[in-house]
C-alpha atoms as a PDB file:
ATOM      1  CA  MET A   1      10.375  20.563  13.292  1.00  0.00           C
ATOM      2  CA  ALA A   2       6.897  22.084  13.174  1.00  0.00           C
ATOM      3  CA  ILE A   3       7.833  23.981  10.021  1.00  0.00           C
ATOM      4  CA  ARG A   4       9.016  20.821   8.275  1.00  0.00           C
ATOM      5  CA  TYR A   5       5.829  19.066   9.305  1.00  0.00           C
ATOM      6  CA  GLN A   6       3.739  21.959   8.002  1.00  0.00           C
ATOM      7  CA  GLN A   7       5.621  21.986   4.691  1.00  0.00           C
ATOM      8  CA  GLN A   8       5.161  18.227   4.402  1.00  0.00           C
ATOM      9  CA  LEU A   9       1.451  18.558   5.118  1.00  0.00           C
ATOM     10  CA  ASP A  10       1.209  21.281   2.460  1.00  0.00           C
ATOM     11  CA  ARG A  11       2.840  18.937  -0.084  1.00  0.00           C
ATOM     12  CA  THR A  12       0.482  16.143   0.912  1.00  0.00           C
ATOM     13  CA  PHE A  13      -2.647  18.256   0.484  1.00  0.00           C
ATOM     14  CA  HIS A  14      -1.295  19.718  -2.766  1.00  0.00           C
ATOM     15  CA  ALA A  15      -0.776  16.206  -4.127  1.00  0.00           C
ATOM     16  CA  LEU A  16      -4.245  15.143  -2.969  1.00  0.00           C
ATOM     17  CA  GLY A  17      -5.773  18.229  -4.597  1.00  0.00           C
ATOM     18  CA  ASP A  18      -5.625  16.655  -8.044  1.00  0.00           C
ATOM     19  CA  GLY A  19      -8.150  14.009  -9.100  1.00  0.00           C
ATOM     20  CA  THR A  20      -5.707  12.112 -11.296  1.00  0.00           C
ATOM     21  CA  ARG A  21      -3.250  11.744  -8.423  1.00  0.00           C
ATOM     22  CA  ARG A  22      -6.019  10.652  -6.042  1.00  0.00           C
ATOM     23  CA  GLN A  23      -7.060   7.985  -8.543  1.00  0.00           C
ATOM     24  CA  MET A  24      -3.441   6.844  -8.854  1.00  0.00           C
ATOM     25  CA  LEU A  25      -3.289   6.480  -5.059  1.00  0.00           C
ATOM     26  CA  SER A  26      -6.551   4.509  -5.112  1.00  0.00           C
ATOM     27  CA  LEU A  27      -5.093   2.192  -7.734  1.00  0.00           C
ATOM     28  CA  LEU A  28      -2.010   1.652  -5.581  1.00  0.00           C
ATOM     29  CA  ALA A  29      -4.186   1.019  -2.530  1.00  0.00           C
ATOM     30  CA  ARG A  30      -6.104  -1.674  -4.438  1.00  0.00           C
ATOM     31  CA  GLN A  31      -3.207  -3.316  -6.272  1.00  0.00           C
ATOM     32  CA  GLY A  32      -0.336  -2.777  -3.862  1.00  0.00           C
ATOM     33  CA  GLU A  33       2.298  -2.047  -6.492  1.00  0.00           C
ATOM     34  CA  CYS A  34       2.144  -0.627 -10.023  1.00  0.00           C
ATOM     35  CA  THR A  35       4.512   0.404 -12.751  1.00  0.00           C
ATOM     36  CA  ALA A  36       4.426   3.936 -14.132  1.00  0.00           C
ATOM     37  CA  SER A  37       2.615   2.737 -17.243  1.00  0.00           C
ATOM     38  CA  GLU A  38       0.029   0.893 -15.120  1.00  0.00           C
ATOM     39  CA  LEU A  39      -0.561   4.064 -13.115  1.00  0.00           C
ATOM     40  CA  GLY A  40      -1.096   6.080 -16.290  1.00  0.00           C
ATOM     41  CA  GLU A  41      -3.201   3.474 -18.085  1.00  0.00           C
ATOM     42  CA  PRO A  42      -6.650   4.598 -16.830  1.00  0.00           C
ATOM     43  CA  PHE A  43      -6.062   8.173 -18.017  1.00  0.00           C
ATOM     44  CA  GLU A  44      -5.861   9.674 -21.461  1.00  0.00           C
ATOM     45  CA  ILE A  45      -2.655  11.581 -20.749  1.00  0.00           C
ATOM     46  CA  ALA A  46       0.852  11.420 -22.182  1.00  0.00           C
ATOM     47  CA  GLN A  47       3.640   9.611 -20.346  1.00  0.00           C
ATOM     48  CA  PRO A  48       5.393  12.887 -19.387  1.00  0.00           C
ATOM     49  CA  SER A  49       2.201  13.947 -17.603  1.00  0.00           C
ATOM     50  CA  VAL A  50       2.051  10.607 -15.799  1.00  0.00           C
ATOM     51  CA  SER A  51       5.663  11.102 -14.731  1.00  0.00           C
ATOM     52  CA  LYS A  52       4.881  14.591 -13.463  1.00  0.00           C
ATOM     53  CA  HIS A  53       1.979  13.292 -11.348  1.00  0.00           C
ATOM     54  CA  ILE A  54       4.165  10.518  -9.954  1.00  0.00           C
ATOM     55  CA  ARG A  55       6.912  13.025  -9.129  1.00  0.00           C
ATOM     56  CA  VAL A  56       4.422  15.167  -7.159  1.00  0.00           C
ATOM     57  CA  LEU A  57       3.271  12.071  -5.267  1.00  0.00           C
ATOM     58  CA  GLU A  58       6.876  11.126  -4.516  1.00  0.00           C
ATOM     59  CA  GLN A  59       7.767  14.627  -3.330  1.00  0.00           C
ATOM     60  CA  ALA A  60       4.786  14.502  -1.000  1.00  0.00           C
ATOM     61  CA  GLY A  61       6.022  11.168   0.343  1.00  0.00           C
ATOM     62  CA  LEU A  62       2.817   9.424  -0.720  1.00  0.00           C
ATOM     63  CA  VAL A  63       4.513   6.852  -2.948  1.00  0.00           C
ATOM     64  CA  SER A  64       7.834   5.041  -2.922  1.00  0.00           C
ATOM     65  CA  ARG A  65       9.767   3.861  -5.957  1.00  0.00           C
ATOM     66  CA  ARG A  66      11.522   0.537  -6.409  1.00  0.00           C
ATOM     67  CA  ILE A  67      13.651   0.068  -9.505  1.00  0.00           C
ATOM     68  CA  ASP A  68      13.708  -3.433 -10.968  1.00  0.00           C
ATOM     69  CA  GLY A  69      16.061  -3.282 -13.951  1.00  0.00           C
ATOM     70  CA  ARG A  70      14.462  -0.766 -16.290  1.00  0.00           C
ATOM     71  CA  VAL A  71      11.055  -1.018 -14.651  1.00  0.00           C
ATOM     72  CA  HIS A  72      10.070   1.450 -11.945  1.00  0.00           C
ATOM     73  CA  ARG A  73       7.511   0.134  -9.481  1.00  0.00           C
ATOM     74  CA  PHE A  74       5.531   2.297  -7.091  1.00  0.00           C
ATOM     75  CA  GLN A  75       3.855   1.600  -3.770  1.00  0.00           C
ATOM     76  CA  LEU A  76       1.575   3.668  -1.584  1.00  0.00           C
ATOM     77  CA  VAL A  77       3.164   5.065   1.590  1.00  0.00           C
ATOM     78  CA  TRP A  78       0.457   5.264   4.231  1.00  0.00           C
ATOM     79  CA  THR A  79       2.421   7.396   6.701  1.00  0.00           C
ATOM     80  CA  ARG A  80       1.698  10.716   4.972  1.00  0.00           C
ATOM     81  CA  LEU A  81      -1.986   9.888   4.510  1.00  0.00           C
ATOM     82  CA  ASN A  82      -2.229   9.028   8.199  1.00  0.00           C
ATOM     83  CA  GLU A  83      -0.616  12.356   9.129  1.00  0.00           C
ATOM     84  CA  ALA A  84      -3.147  14.214   6.959  1.00  0.00           C
ATOM     85  CA  GLN A  85      -5.989  12.228   8.493  1.00  0.00           C
ATOM     86  CA  ASP A  86      -4.736  13.015  12.015  1.00  0.00           C
ATOM     87  CA  TRP A  87      -4.546  16.720  11.169  1.00  0.00           C
ATOM     88  CA  LEU A  88      -8.085  16.693   9.784  1.00  0.00           C
ATOM     89  CA  ALA A  89      -9.385  14.762  12.804  1.00  0.00           C
ATOM     90  CA  SER A  90      -7.883  17.226  15.283  1.00  0.00           C
ATOM     91  CA  HIS A  91      -9.443  20.164  13.464  1.00  0.00           C
ATOM     92  CA  ARG A  92     -12.782  18.399  13.135  1.00  0.00           C
ATOM     93  CA  GLU A  93     -12.814  17.780  16.905  1.00  0.00           C
ATOM     94  CA  PHE A  94     -12.039  21.447  17.580  1.00  0.00           C
ATOM     95  CA  TRP A  95     -14.838  22.687  15.340  1.00  0.00           C
ATOM     96  CA  GLU A  96     -17.337  20.168  16.669  1.00  0.00           C
ATOM     97  CA  ARG A  97     -16.612  21.320  20.247  1.00  0.00           C
ATOM     98  CA  THR A  98     -16.777  24.973  19.198  1.00  0.00           C
ATOM     99  CA  LEU A  99     -20.068  24.560  17.359  1.00  0.00           C
ATOM    100  CA  ASP A 100     -21.548  22.537  20.234  1.00  0.00           C
ATOM    101  CA  ALA A 101     -20.623  25.339  22.640  1.00  0.00           C
ATOM    102  CA  LEU A 102     -22.132  27.906  20.294  1.00  0.00           C
ATOM    103  CA  GLY A 103     -25.307  25.830  20.043  1.00  0.00           C
ATOM    104  CA  SER A 104     -25.560  25.640  23.833  1.00  0.00           C
ATOM    105  CA  LEU A 105     -25.027  29.388  24.102  1.00  0.00           C
ATOM    106  CA  LEU A 106     -27.719  30.085  21.528  1.00  0.00           C
ATOM    107  CA  ASP A 107     -30.110  27.690  23.259  1.00  0.00           C
ATOM    108  CA  GLY A 108     -29.492  29.550  26.524  1.00  0.00           C
ATOM    109  CA  ILE A 109     -30.155  32.900  24.854  1.00  0.00           C
ATOM    110  CA  GLY A 110     -33.335  31.551  23.272  1.00  0.00           C
ATOM    111  CA  GLU A 111     -34.606  30.250  26.632  1.00  0.00           C
ATOM    112  CA  SER A 112     -33.866  33.613  28.294  1.00  0.00           C
ATOM    113  CA  ALA A 113     -35.815  35.443  25.615  1.00  0.00           C
ATOM    114  CA  ASP A 114     -38.833  33.155  26.148  1.00  0.00           C
ATOM    115  CA  GLU A 115     -39.068  34.069  29.857  1.00  0.00           C
END
């Protein structure tokens, strides 16, 4: 289970590592649902490139696809973003505690040197 979670988190961060994909997710967050052509509209890239970006987002579980006849509609899936945010928050808390402890230790050393 932990391995699957780690692999999923890797896919999420890989998908988020590209500016075009992040902008596509922002568009979905604002509009709720978009077609593939609407997702590609703000960028000067060919449709195959748009499809590739969408495929990466789907594989990461960040978007879902609904087919309406010949039109494919996409929606943001918040679950994966929340998992990434939780992972970041837990690591931020660890490092904040660690750095606070280091700061206290250094303050103690500095006070001892002053005596």
